[in-house]
Full PDB file with SEQRES, HELIX, SHEET, SSBOND, CRYST1, ORIGX, SCALE, CONECT and MASTER records, all heavy atoms in Angstrom:
SEQRES   1 A   40  GLN LYS HIS MET ASP LYS THR LEU GLU LYS ILE ARG GLY          
SEQRES   2 A   40  GLU ILE ASP GLY ILE ARG GLU ASP ILE ASP ALA GLN GLN          
SEQRES   3 A   40  ASP LYS ILE ASN ALA LEU LYS SER GLY LYS ASP ILE VAL          
SEQRES   4 A   40  ASP                                                          
HELIX    1 AA1 LYS A    2  SER A   34  1                                  33    
CRYST1    1.000    1.000    1.000  90.00  90.00  90.00 P 1           1          
ORIGX1      1.000000  0.000000  0.000000        0.00000                         
ORIGX2      0.000000  1.000000  0.000000        0.00000                         
ORIGX3      0.000000  0.000000  1.000000        0.00000                         
SCALE1      1.000000  0.000000  0.000000        0.00000                         
SCALE2      0.000000  1.000000  0.000000        0.00000                         
SCALE3      0.000000  0.000000  1.000000        0.00000                         
ATOM      1  N   GLN A   1     -28.255   4.305 -11.202  1.00  0.00           N  
ATOM      2  CA  GLN A   1     -27.421   4.959 -10.216  1.00  0.00           C  
ATOM      3  C   GLN A   1     -26.395   5.788 -10.870  1.00  0.00           C  
ATOM      4  O   GLN A   1     -26.199   7.023 -10.378  1.00  0.00           O  
ATOM      5  CB  GLN A   1     -26.630   3.797  -9.452  1.00  0.00           C  
ATOM      6  CG  GLN A   1     -25.813   4.273  -8.413  1.00  0.00           C  
ATOM      7  CD  GLN A   1     -26.484   4.060  -7.056  1.00  0.00           C  
ATOM      8  OE1 GLN A   1     -27.356   3.321  -6.954  1.00  0.00           O  
ATOM      9  NE2 GLN A   1     -26.005   4.756  -6.064  1.00  0.00           N  
ATOM     10  N   LYS A   2     -25.837   5.428 -11.957  1.00  0.00           N  
ATOM     11  CA  LYS A   2     -24.883   6.405 -12.627  1.00  0.00           C  
ATOM     12  C   LYS A   2     -25.585   7.641 -13.123  1.00  0.00           C  
ATOM     13  O   LYS A   2     -25.082   8.765 -13.005  1.00  0.00           O  
ATOM     14  CB  LYS A   2     -24.260   5.635 -13.852  1.00  0.00           C  
ATOM     15  CG  LYS A   2     -23.162   4.692 -13.459  1.00  0.00           C  
ATOM     16  CD  LYS A   2     -22.628   3.912 -14.673  1.00  0.00           C  
ATOM     17  CE  LYS A   2     -21.641   2.865 -14.328  1.00  0.00           C  
ATOM     18  NZ  LYS A   2     -21.202   2.141 -15.517  1.00  0.00           N  
ATOM     19  N   HIS A   3     -26.781   7.527 -13.720  1.00  0.00           N  
ATOM     20  CA  HIS A   3     -27.528   8.634 -14.219  1.00  0.00           C  
ATOM     21  C   HIS A   3     -27.894   9.570 -13.031  1.00  0.00           C  
ATOM     22  O   HIS A   3     -27.720  10.771 -13.229  1.00  0.00           O  
ATOM     23  CB  HIS A   3     -28.809   8.162 -14.880  1.00  0.00           C  
ATOM     24  CG  HIS A   3     -29.746   9.232 -15.366  1.00  0.00           C  
ATOM     25  ND1 HIS A   3     -29.321  10.046 -16.345  1.00  0.00           N  
ATOM     26  CD2 HIS A   3     -30.871   9.804 -14.933  1.00  0.00           C  
ATOM     27  CE1 HIS A   3     -30.302  10.936 -16.529  1.00  0.00           C  
ATOM     28  NE2 HIS A   3     -31.280  10.842 -15.624  1.00  0.00           N  
ATOM     29  N   MET A   4     -28.273   8.968 -11.902  1.00  0.00           N  
ATOM     30  CA  MET A   4     -28.592   9.866 -10.701  1.00  0.00           C  
ATOM     31  C   MET A   4     -27.381  10.601 -10.310  1.00  0.00           C  
ATOM     32  O   MET A   4     -27.382  11.794  -9.898  1.00  0.00           O  
ATOM     33  CB  MET A   4     -29.278   8.999  -9.682  1.00  0.00           C  
ATOM     34  CG  MET A   4     -30.663   8.487  -9.985  1.00  0.00           C  
ATOM     35  SD  MET A   4     -31.361   7.459  -8.712  1.00  0.00           S  
ATOM     36  CE  MET A   4     -31.308   8.370  -7.233  1.00  0.00           C  
ATOM     37  N   ASP A   5     -26.178   9.899 -10.215  1.00  0.00           N  
ATOM     38  CA  ASP A   5     -25.090  10.429  -9.736  1.00  0.00           C  
ATOM     39  C   ASP A   5     -24.638  11.637 -10.582  1.00  0.00           C  
ATOM     40  O   ASP A   5     -24.210  12.670 -10.166  1.00  0.00           O  
ATOM     41  CB  ASP A   5     -23.855   9.435  -9.709  1.00  0.00           C  
ATOM     42  CG  ASP A   5     -24.134   8.477  -8.444  1.00  0.00           C  
ATOM     43  OD1 ASP A   5     -24.876   8.728  -7.668  1.00  0.00           O  
ATOM     44  OD2 ASP A   5     -23.404   7.446  -8.534  1.00  0.00           O  
ATOM     45  N   LYS A   6     -24.730  11.392 -11.985  1.00  0.00           N  
ATOM     46  CA  LYS A   6     -24.376  12.428 -12.895  1.00  0.00           C  
ATOM     47  C   LYS A   6     -25.323  13.617 -12.716  1.00  0.00           C  
ATOM     48  O   LYS A   6     -24.945  14.756 -12.756  1.00  0.00           O  
ATOM     49  CB  LYS A   6     -24.442  11.950 -14.266  1.00  0.00           C  
ATOM     50  CG  LYS A   6     -24.018  12.776 -15.390  1.00  0.00           C  
ATOM     51  CD  LYS A   6     -24.052  12.092 -16.715  1.00  0.00           C  
ATOM     52  CE  LYS A   6     -23.760  13.070 -17.890  1.00  0.00           C  
ATOM     53  NZ  LYS A   6     -23.958  12.376 -19.171  1.00  0.00           N  
ATOM     54  N   THR A   7     -26.592  13.351 -12.530  1.00  0.00           N  
ATOM     55  CA  THR A   7     -27.525  14.414 -12.395  1.00  0.00           C  
ATOM     56  C   THR A   7     -27.302  15.192 -11.115  1.00  0.00           C  
ATOM     57  O   THR A   7     -27.354  16.436 -11.134  1.00  0.00           O  
ATOM     58  CB  THR A   7     -28.926  13.856 -12.425  1.00  0.00           C  
ATOM     59  OG1 THR A   7     -29.173  13.197 -13.680  1.00  0.00           O  
ATOM     60  CG2 THR A   7     -29.973  14.971 -12.328  1.00  0.00           C  
ATOM     61  N   LEU A   8     -26.967  14.560 -10.039  1.00  0.00           N  
ATOM     62  CA  LEU A   8     -26.679  15.224  -8.803  1.00  0.00           C  
ATOM     63  C   LEU A   8     -25.447  16.118  -8.866  1.00  0.00           C  
ATOM     64  O   LEU A   8     -25.365  17.193  -8.330  1.00  0.00           O  
ATOM     65  CB  LEU A   8     -26.550  14.201  -7.677  1.00  0.00           C  
ATOM     66  CG  LEU A   8     -27.866  13.584  -7.070  1.00  0.00           C  
ATOM     67  CD1 LEU A   8     -27.623  12.565  -6.115  1.00  0.00           C  
ATOM     68  CD2 LEU A   8     -28.761  14.711  -6.575  1.00  0.00           C  
ATOM     69  N   GLU A   9     -24.426  15.607  -9.603  1.00  0.00           N  
ATOM     70  CA  GLU A   9     -23.209  16.393  -9.726  1.00  0.00           C  
ATOM     71  C   GLU A   9     -23.581  17.629 -10.558  1.00  0.00           C  
ATOM     72  O   GLU A   9     -22.951  18.774 -10.283  1.00  0.00           O  
ATOM     73  CB  GLU A   9     -22.172  15.598 -10.486  1.00  0.00           C  
ATOM     74  CG  GLU A   9     -21.492  14.578  -9.669  1.00  0.00           C  
ATOM     75  CD  GLU A   9     -20.733  15.235  -8.378  1.00  0.00           C  
ATOM     76  OE1 GLU A   9     -20.187  16.232  -8.552  1.00  0.00           O  
ATOM     77  OE2 GLU A   9     -20.900  14.634  -7.260  1.00  0.00           O  
ATOM     78  N   LYS A  10     -24.438  17.595 -11.560  1.00  0.00           N  
ATOM     79  CA  LYS A  10     -24.803  18.787 -12.290  1.00  0.00           C  
ATOM     80  C   LYS A  10     -25.527  19.780 -11.366  1.00  0.00           C  
ATOM     81  O   LYS A  10     -25.250  20.956 -11.401  1.00  0.00           O  
ATOM     82  CB  LYS A  10     -25.753  18.445 -13.442  1.00  0.00           C  
ATOM     83  CG  LYS A  10     -25.112  17.981 -14.746  1.00  0.00           C  
ATOM     84  CD  LYS A  10     -26.236  17.878 -15.770  1.00  0.00           C  
ATOM     85  CE  LYS A  10     -25.679  17.374 -17.169  1.00  0.00           C  
ATOM     86  NZ  LYS A  10     -26.776  17.135 -18.080  1.00  0.00           N  
ATOM     87  N   ILE A  11     -26.484  19.237 -10.588  1.00  0.00           N  
ATOM     88  CA  ILE A  11     -27.216  20.099  -9.710  1.00  0.00           C  
ATOM     89  C   ILE A  11     -26.247  20.762  -8.705  1.00  0.00           C  
ATOM     90  O   ILE A  11     -26.347  21.996  -8.421  1.00  0.00           O  
ATOM     91  CB  ILE A  11     -28.332  19.292  -9.061  1.00  0.00           C  
ATOM     92  CG1 ILE A  11     -29.451  18.976 -10.052  1.00  0.00           C  
ATOM     93  CG2 ILE A  11     -29.007  20.113  -7.960  1.00  0.00           C  
ATOM     94  CD1 ILE A  11     -30.452  18.008  -9.623  1.00  0.00           C  
ATOM     95  N   ARG A  12     -25.317  19.986  -8.082  1.00  0.00           N  
ATOM     96  CA  ARG A  12     -24.371  20.571  -7.174  1.00  0.00           C  
ATOM     97  C   ARG A  12     -23.580  21.655  -7.801  1.00  0.00           C  
ATOM     98  O   ARG A  12     -23.247  22.678  -7.159  1.00  0.00           O  
ATOM     99  CB  ARG A  12     -23.567  19.409  -6.574  1.00  0.00           C  
ATOM    100  CG  ARG A  12     -24.171  18.545  -5.604  1.00  0.00           C  
ATOM    101  CD  ARG A  12     -23.200  17.545  -4.951  1.00  0.00           C  
ATOM    102  NE  ARG A  12     -24.045  16.575  -4.100  1.00  0.00           N  
ATOM    103  CZ  ARG A  12     -23.940  15.352  -4.252  1.00  0.00           C  
ATOM    104  NH1 ARG A  12     -23.252  14.788  -5.124  1.00  0.00           N  
ATOM    105  NH2 ARG A  12     -24.681  14.618  -3.396  1.00  0.00           N  
ATOM    106  N   GLY A  13     -23.163  21.461  -9.004  1.00  0.00           N  
ATOM    107  CA  GLY A  13     -22.435  22.423  -9.718  1.00  0.00           C  
ATOM    108  C   GLY A  13     -23.174  23.739  -9.890  1.00  0.00           C  
ATOM    109  O   GLY A  13     -22.749  24.851  -9.741  1.00  0.00           O  
ATOM    110  N   GLU A  14     -24.494  23.655 -10.298  1.00  0.00           N  
ATOM    111  CA  GLU A  14     -25.271  24.746 -10.477  1.00  0.00           C  
ATOM    112  C   GLU A  14     -25.445  25.425  -9.124  1.00  0.00           C  
ATOM    113  O   GLU A  14     -25.439  26.719  -9.079  1.00  0.00           O  
ATOM    114  CB  GLU A  14     -26.552  24.397 -11.103  1.00  0.00           C  
ATOM    115  CG  GLU A  14     -26.592  23.920 -12.534  1.00  0.00           C  
ATOM    116  CD  GLU A  14     -27.808  23.472 -13.121  1.00  0.00           C  
ATOM    117  OE1 GLU A  14     -28.883  23.647 -12.417  1.00  0.00           O  
ATOM    118  OE2 GLU A  14     -27.831  22.831 -14.237  1.00  0.00           O  
ATOM    119  N   ILE A  15     -25.622  24.709  -8.095  1.00  0.00           N  
ATOM    120  CA  ILE A  15     -25.939  25.375  -6.774  1.00  0.00           C  
ATOM    121  C   ILE A  15     -24.685  26.106  -6.386  1.00  0.00           C  
ATOM    122  O   ILE A  15     -24.742  27.264  -5.768  1.00  0.00           O  
ATOM    123  CB  ILE A  15     -26.302  24.235  -5.600  1.00  0.00           C  
ATOM    124  CG1 ILE A  15     -27.701  23.784  -5.931  1.00  0.00           C  
ATOM    125  CG2 ILE A  15     -26.254  24.837  -4.243  1.00  0.00           C  
ATOM    126  CD1 ILE A  15     -28.118  22.643  -5.139  1.00  0.00           C  
ATOM    127  N   ASP A  16     -23.536  25.511  -6.530  1.00  0.00           N  
ATOM    128  CA  ASP A  16     -22.294  26.093  -6.162  1.00  0.00           C  
ATOM    129  C   ASP A  16     -21.974  27.419  -6.924  1.00  0.00           C  
ATOM    130  O   ASP A  16     -21.543  28.478  -6.367  1.00  0.00           O  
ATOM    131  CB  ASP A  16     -21.084  25.229  -6.428  1.00  0.00           C  
ATOM    132  CG  ASP A  16     -20.963  24.127  -5.457  1.00  0.00           C  
ATOM    133  OD1 ASP A  16     -21.565  24.174  -4.295  1.00  0.00           O  
ATOM    134  OD2 ASP A  16     -20.341  23.066  -5.717  1.00  0.00           O  
ATOM    135  N   GLY A  17     -22.340  27.440  -8.302  1.00  0.00           N  
ATOM    136  CA  GLY A  17     -22.276  28.625  -9.082  1.00  0.00           C  
ATOM    137  C   GLY A  17     -23.334  29.736  -8.646  1.00  0.00           C  
ATOM    138  O   GLY A  17     -22.916  30.916  -8.527  1.00  0.00           O  
ATOM    139  N   ILE A  18     -24.453  29.478  -8.158  1.00  0.00           N  
ATOM    140  CA  ILE A  18     -25.435  30.300  -7.620  1.00  0.00           C  
ATOM    141  C   ILE A  18     -24.919  30.912  -6.431  1.00  0.00           C  
ATOM    142  O   ILE A  18     -24.965  32.170  -6.120  1.00  0.00           O  
ATOM    143  CB  ILE A  18     -26.753  29.671  -7.479  1.00  0.00           C  
ATOM    144  CG1 ILE A  18     -27.469  29.383  -8.912  1.00  0.00           C  
ATOM    145  CG2 ILE A  18     -27.720  30.598  -6.636  1.00  0.00           C  
ATOM    146  CD1 ILE A  18     -28.683  28.525  -8.900  1.00  0.00           C  
ATOM    147  N   ARG A  19     -24.439  29.984  -5.500  1.00  0.00           N  
ATOM    148  CA  ARG A  19     -23.824  30.589  -4.166  1.00  0.00           C  
ATOM    149  C   ARG A  19     -22.726  31.508  -4.432  1.00  0.00           C  
ATOM    150  O   ARG A  19     -22.606  32.548  -3.747  1.00  0.00           O  
ATOM    151  CB  ARG A  19     -23.315  29.262  -3.379  1.00  0.00           C  
ATOM    152  CG  ARG A  19     -24.468  28.619  -2.755  1.00  0.00           C  
ATOM    153  CD  ARG A  19     -23.866  27.489  -1.820  1.00  0.00           C  
ATOM    154  NE  ARG A  19     -24.929  26.781  -1.228  1.00  0.00           N  
ATOM    155  CZ  ARG A  19     -24.825  25.508  -0.828  1.00  0.00           C  
ATOM    156  NH1 ARG A  19     -23.657  24.935  -0.842  1.00  0.00           N  
ATOM    157  NH2 ARG A  19     -25.882  24.947  -0.275  1.00  0.00           N  
ATOM    158  N   GLU A  20     -21.806  31.241  -5.395  1.00  0.00           N  
ATOM    159  CA  GLU A  20     -20.747  32.120  -5.679  1.00  0.00           C  
ATOM    160  C   GLU A  20     -21.186  33.432  -6.121  1.00  0.00           C  
ATOM    161  O   GLU A  20     -20.762  34.599  -5.817  1.00  0.00           O  
ATOM    162  CB  GLU A  20     -19.754  31.546  -6.699  1.00  0.00           C  
ATOM    163  CG  GLU A  20     -18.992  30.408  -6.212  1.00  0.00           C  
ATOM    164  CD  GLU A  20     -18.172  29.682  -7.231  1.00  0.00           C  
ATOM    165  OE1 GLU A  20     -18.215  30.113  -8.416  1.00  0.00           O  
ATOM    166  OE2 GLU A  20     -17.619  28.610  -6.889  1.00  0.00           O  
ATOM    167  N   ASP A  21     -22.216  33.446  -6.950  1.00  0.00           N  
ATOM    168  CA  ASP A  21     -22.899  34.678  -7.562  1.00  0.00           C  
ATOM    169  C   ASP A  21     -23.495  35.489  -6.327  1.00  0.00           C  
ATOM    170  O   ASP A  21     -23.362  36.692  -6.289  1.00  0.00           O  
ATOM    171  CB  ASP A  21     -23.941  34.439  -8.595  1.00  0.00           C  
ATOM    172  CG  ASP A  21     -23.365  33.952  -9.906  1.00  0.00           C  
ATOM    173  OD1 ASP A  21     -22.128  34.063 -10.110  1.00  0.00           O  
ATOM    174  OD2 ASP A  21     -24.199  33.375 -10.654  1.00  0.00           O  
ATOM    175  N   ILE A  22     -24.175  34.812  -5.428  1.00  0.00           N  
ATOM    176  CA  ILE A  22     -24.845  35.490  -4.250  1.00  0.00           C  
ATOM    177  C   ILE A  22     -23.798  36.052  -3.441  1.00  0.00           C  
ATOM    178  O   ILE A  22     -23.895  37.179  -2.972  1.00  0.00           O  
ATOM    179  CB  ILE A  22     -25.665  34.525  -3.561  1.00  0.00           C  
ATOM    180  CG1 ILE A  22     -26.939  34.086  -4.338  1.00  0.00           C  
ATOM    181  CG2 ILE A  22     -26.140  35.054  -2.174  1.00  0.00           C  
ATOM    182  CD1 ILE A  22     -27.753  32.976  -3.811  1.00  0.00           C  
ATOM    183  N   ASP A  23     -22.719  35.361  -3.106  1.00  0.00           N  
ATOM    184  CA  ASP A  23     -21.654  35.863  -2.270  1.00  0.00           C  
ATOM    185  C   ASP A  23     -20.981  37.032  -2.978  1.00  0.00           C  
ATOM    186  O   ASP A  23     -20.748  38.106  -2.266  1.00  0.00           O  
ATOM    187  CB  ASP A  23     -20.678  34.665  -2.067  1.00  0.00           C  
ATOM    188  CG  ASP A  23     -21.030  33.629  -1.094  1.00  0.00           C  
ATOM    189  OD1 ASP A  23     -22.096  33.884  -0.407  1.00  0.00           O  
ATOM    190  OD2 ASP A  23     -20.479  32.580  -1.119  1.00  0.00           O  
ATOM    191  N   ALA A  24     -20.739  37.036  -4.222  1.00  0.00           N  
ATOM    192  CA  ALA A  24     -20.132  38.118  -4.922  1.00  0.00           C  
ATOM    193  C   ALA A  24     -21.063  39.497  -4.858  1.00  0.00           C  
ATOM    194  O   ALA A  24     -20.556  40.418  -4.581  1.00  0.00           O  
ATOM    195  CB  ALA A  24     -19.844  37.785  -6.388  1.00  0.00           C  
ATOM    196  N   GLN A  25     -22.348  39.162  -4.990  1.00  0.00           N  
ATOM    197  CA  GLN A  25     -23.355  40.350  -5.022  1.00  0.00           C  
ATOM    198  C   GLN A  25     -23.475  40.873  -3.511  1.00  0.00           C  
ATOM    199  O   GLN A  25     -23.434  41.973  -3.280  1.00  0.00           O  
ATOM    200  CB  GLN A  25     -24.724  39.934  -5.391  1.00  0.00           C  
ATOM    201  CG  GLN A  25     -24.752  39.674  -6.978  1.00  0.00           C  
ATOM    202  CD  GLN A  25     -24.455  40.895  -7.712  1.00  0.00           C  
ATOM    203  OE1 GLN A  25     -24.815  42.019  -7.331  1.00  0.00           O  
ATOM    204  NE2 GLN A  25     -23.813  40.712  -8.795  1.00  0.00           N  
ATOM    205  N   GLN A  26     -23.436  39.896  -2.579  1.00  0.00           N  
ATOM    206  CA  GLN A  26     -23.412  40.366  -1.143  1.00  0.00           C  
ATOM    207  C   GLN A  26     -22.229  41.149  -0.793  1.00  0.00           C  
ATOM    208  O   GLN A  26     -22.207  42.165  -0.088  1.00  0.00           O  
ATOM    209  CB  GLN A  26     -23.541  39.045  -0.202  1.00  0.00           C  
ATOM    210  CG  GLN A  26     -23.774  39.458   1.208  1.00  0.00           C  
ATOM    211  CD  GLN A  26     -25.159  40.268   1.414  1.00  0.00           C  
ATOM    212  OE1 GLN A  26     -26.199  39.811   0.840  1.00  0.00           O  
ATOM    213  NE2 GLN A  26     -25.177  41.259   2.200  1.00  0.00           N  
ATOM    214  N   ASP A  27     -20.984  40.737  -1.275  1.00  0.00           N  
ATOM    215  CA  ASP A  27     -19.818  41.496  -0.943  1.00  0.00           C  
ATOM    216  C   ASP A  27     -19.949  42.890  -1.615  1.00  0.00           C  
ATOM    217  O   ASP A  27     -19.386  43.901  -1.032  1.00  0.00           O  
ATOM    218  CB  ASP A  27     -18.583  40.718  -1.622  1.00  0.00           C  
ATOM    219  CG  ASP A  27     -18.253  39.460  -0.893  1.00  0.00           C  
ATOM    220  OD1 ASP A  27     -18.724  39.383   0.229  1.00  0.00           O  
ATOM    221  OD2 ASP A  27     -17.471  38.673  -1.402  1.00  0.00           O  
ATOM    222  N   LYS A  28     -20.418  43.034  -2.878  1.00  0.00           N  
ATOM    223  CA  LYS A  28     -20.635  44.382  -3.482  1.00  0.00           C  
ATOM    224  C   LYS A  28     -21.579  45.168  -2.644  1.00  0.00           C  
ATOM    225  O   LYS A  28     -21.357  46.350  -2.442  1.00  0.00           O  
ATOM    226  CB  LYS A  28     -21.167  44.139  -4.890  1.00  0.00           C  
ATOM    227  CG  LYS A  28     -20.016  43.552  -5.878  1.00  0.00           C  
ATOM    228  CD  LYS A  28     -20.685  43.333  -7.226  1.00  0.00           C  
ATOM    229  CE  LYS A  28     -19.685  42.686  -8.168  1.00  0.00           C  
ATOM    230  NZ  LYS A  28     -20.253  42.478  -9.369  1.00  0.00           N  
ATOM    231  N   ILE A  29     -22.704  44.599  -2.242  1.00  0.00           N  
ATOM    232  CA  ILE A  29     -23.644  45.327  -1.358  1.00  0.00           C  
ATOM    233  C   ILE A  29     -23.047  45.917  -0.084  1.00  0.00           C  
ATOM    234  O   ILE A  29     -23.218  46.952   0.332  1.00  0.00           O  
ATOM    235  CB  ILE A  29     -24.909  44.495  -1.130  1.00  0.00           C  
ATOM    236  CG1 ILE A  29     -25.713  44.318  -2.492  1.00  0.00           C  
ATOM    237  CG2 ILE A  29     -25.832  45.073  -0.072  1.00  0.00           C  
ATOM    238  CD1 ILE A  29     -26.810  43.305  -2.364  1.00  0.00           C  
ATOM    239  N   ASN A  30     -22.288  44.917   0.542  1.00  0.00           N  
ATOM    240  CA  ASN A  30     -21.613  45.216   1.790  1.00  0.00           C  
ATOM    241  C   ASN A  30     -20.544  46.419   1.639  1.00  0.00           C  
ATOM    242  O   ASN A  30     -20.485  47.298   2.530  1.00  0.00           O  
ATOM    243  CB  ASN A  30     -20.925  44.077   2.441  1.00  0.00           C  
ATOM    244  CG  ASN A  30     -21.868  43.075   2.949  1.00  0.00           C  
ATOM    245  OD1 ASN A  30     -23.021  43.335   3.241  1.00  0.00           O  
ATOM    246  ND2 ASN A  30     -21.439  41.867   3.132  1.00  0.00           N  
ATOM    247  N   ALA A  31     -19.887  46.316   0.457  1.00  0.00           N  
ATOM    248  CA  ALA A  31     -18.930  47.449   0.145  1.00  0.00           C  
ATOM    249  C   ALA A  31     -19.660  48.704   0.056  1.00  0.00           C  
ATOM    250  O   ALA A  31     -19.103  49.748   0.345  1.00  0.00           O  
ATOM    251  CB  ALA A  31     -18.178  47.042  -1.087  1.00  0.00           C  
ATOM    252  N   LEU A  32     -20.825  48.706  -0.643  1.00  0.00           N  
ATOM    253  CA  LEU A  32     -21.619  49.934  -0.859  1.00  0.00           C  
ATOM    254  C   LEU A  32     -22.150  50.485   0.485  1.00  0.00           C  
ATOM    255  O   LEU A  32     -22.078  51.711   0.706  1.00  0.00           O  
ATOM    256  CB  LEU A  32     -22.776  49.773  -1.794  1.00  0.00           C  
ATOM    257  CG  LEU A  32     -22.354  49.615  -3.238  1.00  0.00           C  
ATOM    258  CD1 LEU A  32     -23.647  49.170  -4.091  1.00  0.00           C  
ATOM    259  CD2 LEU A  32     -21.826  50.966  -3.846  1.00  0.00           C  
ATOM    260  N   LYS A  33     -22.594  49.654   1.289  1.00  0.00           N  
ATOM    261  CA  LYS A  33     -22.991  50.037   2.570  1.00  0.00           C  
ATOM    262  C   LYS A  33     -22.028  50.639   3.471  1.00  0.00           C  
ATOM    263  O   LYS A  33     -22.261  51.501   4.194  1.00  0.00           O  
ATOM    264  CB  LYS A  33     -23.664  48.871   3.377  1.00  0.00           C  
ATOM    265  CG  LYS A  33     -25.061  48.412   2.767  1.00  0.00           C  
ATOM    266  CD  LYS A  33     -25.650  47.319   3.602  1.00  0.00           C  
ATOM    267  CE  LYS A  33     -27.024  46.806   3.006  1.00  0.00           C  
ATOM    268  NZ  LYS A  33     -27.604  45.704   3.808  1.00  0.00           N  
ATOM    269  N   SER A  34     -20.825  50.095   3.464  1.00  0.00           N  
ATOM    270  CA  SER A  34     -19.815  50.562   4.248  1.00  0.00           C  
ATOM    271  C   SER A  34     -19.152  51.856   3.630  1.00  0.00           C  
ATOM    272  O   SER A  34     -18.392  52.528   4.253  1.00  0.00           O  
ATOM    273  CB  SER A  34     -18.688  49.460   4.457  1.00  0.00           C  
ATOM    274  OG  SER A  34     -18.046  49.163   3.257  1.00  0.00           O  
ATOM    275  N   GLY A  35     -19.427  52.106   2.364  1.00  0.00           N  
ATOM    276  CA  GLY A  35     -18.962  53.358   1.761  1.00  0.00           C  
ATOM    277  C   GLY A  35     -17.424  53.339   1.341  1.00  0.00           C  
ATOM    278  O   GLY A  35     -16.868  54.284   1.143  1.00  0.00           O  
ATOM    279  N   LYS A  36     -17.044  52.095   1.220  1.00  0.00           N  
ATOM    280  CA  LYS A  36     -15.536  51.959   0.890  1.00  0.00           C  
ATOM    281  C   LYS A  36     -15.313  52.394  -0.616  1.00  0.00           C  
ATOM    282  O   LYS A  36     -14.544  53.354  -0.777  1.00  0.00           O  
ATOM    283  CB  LYS A  36     -15.062  50.568   1.048  1.00  0.00           C  
ATOM    284  CG  LYS A  36     -14.957  50.008   2.424  1.00  0.00           C  
ATOM    285  CD  LYS A  36     -14.556  48.652   2.461  1.00  0.00           C  
ATOM    286  CE  LYS A  36     -14.425  48.213   4.012  1.00  0.00           C  
ATOM    287  NZ  LYS A  36     -13.948  46.858   4.114  1.00  0.00           N  
ATOM    288  N   ASP A  37     -15.776  51.670  -1.460  1.00  0.00           N  
ATOM    289  CA  ASP A  37     -15.583  52.031  -2.924  1.00  0.00           C  
ATOM    290  C   ASP A  37     -16.988  51.989  -3.686  1.00  0.00           C  
ATOM    291  O   ASP A  37     -17.890  51.387  -3.233  1.00  0.00           O  
ATOM    292  CB  ASP A  37     -14.655  50.980  -3.575  1.00  0.00           C  
ATOM    293  CG  ASP A  37     -13.243  51.041  -2.946  1.00  0.00           C  
ATOM    294  OD1 ASP A  37     -12.895  52.110  -2.659  1.00  0.00           O  
ATOM    295  OD2 ASP A  37     -12.710  49.978  -2.963  1.00  0.00           O  
ATOM    296  N   ILE A  38     -17.037  52.659  -4.802  1.00  0.00           N  
ATOM    297  CA  ILE A  38     -18.100  52.549  -5.599  1.00  0.00           C  
ATOM    298  C   ILE A  38     -18.006  51.275  -6.491  1.00  0.00           C  
ATOM    299  O   ILE A  38     -16.969  51.071  -7.245  1.00  0.00           O  
ATOM    300  CB  ILE A  38     -18.190  53.822  -6.607  1.00  0.00           C  
ATOM    301  CG1 ILE A  38     -18.370  55.038  -5.701  1.00  0.00           C  
ATOM    302  CG2 ILE A  38     -19.293  53.615  -7.545  1.00  0.00           C  
ATOM    303  CD1 ILE A  38     -18.470  56.353  -6.501  1.00  0.00           C  
ATOM    304  N   VAL A  39     -19.033  50.477  -6.399  1.00  0.00           N  
ATOM    305  CA  VAL A  39     -18.893  49.190  -7.028  1.00  0.00           C  
ATOM    306  C   VAL A  39     -19.940  49.056  -8.127  1.00  0.00           C  
ATOM    307  O   VAL A  39     -21.085  49.580  -8.035  1.00  0.00           O  
ATOM    308  CB  VAL A  39     -19.095  47.998  -5.972  1.00  0.00           C  
ATOM    309  CG1 VAL A  39     -19.054  46.604  -6.658  1.00  0.00           C  
ATOM    310  CG2 VAL A  39     -18.101  48.140  -4.846  1.00  0.00           C  
ATOM    311  N   ASP A  40     -19.577  48.466  -9.246  1.00  0.00           N  
ATOM    312  CA  ASP A  40     -20.549  48.332 -10.310  1.00  0.00           C  
ATOM    313  C   ASP A  40     -21.386  47.060 -10.120  1.00  0.00           C  
ATOM    314  O   ASP A  40     -20.966  46.042 -10.100  1.00  0.00           O  
ATOM    315  CB  ASP A  40     -19.828  48.134 -11.600  1.00  0.00           C  
ATOM    316  CG  ASP A  40     -20.823  48.096 -12.820  1.00  0.00           C  
ATOM    317  OD1 ASP A  40     -21.943  48.477 -12.648  1.00  0.00           O  
ATOM    318  OD2 ASP A  40     -20.332  47.563 -13.948  1.00  0.00           O  
TER     319      ASP A  40                                                      
MASTER        0    0    0    1    0    0    0    6  318    1    0    4          
END                                                                             
């Protein structure tokens, strides 16, 4: 049970990191589409 909980926490952390990266990239894409600023 402890091993499974630890593994699930790792997986949740990785998923949260991926979601943050996706949101950041989506914000950059939206900014480019709207023509606000040039984004790297």
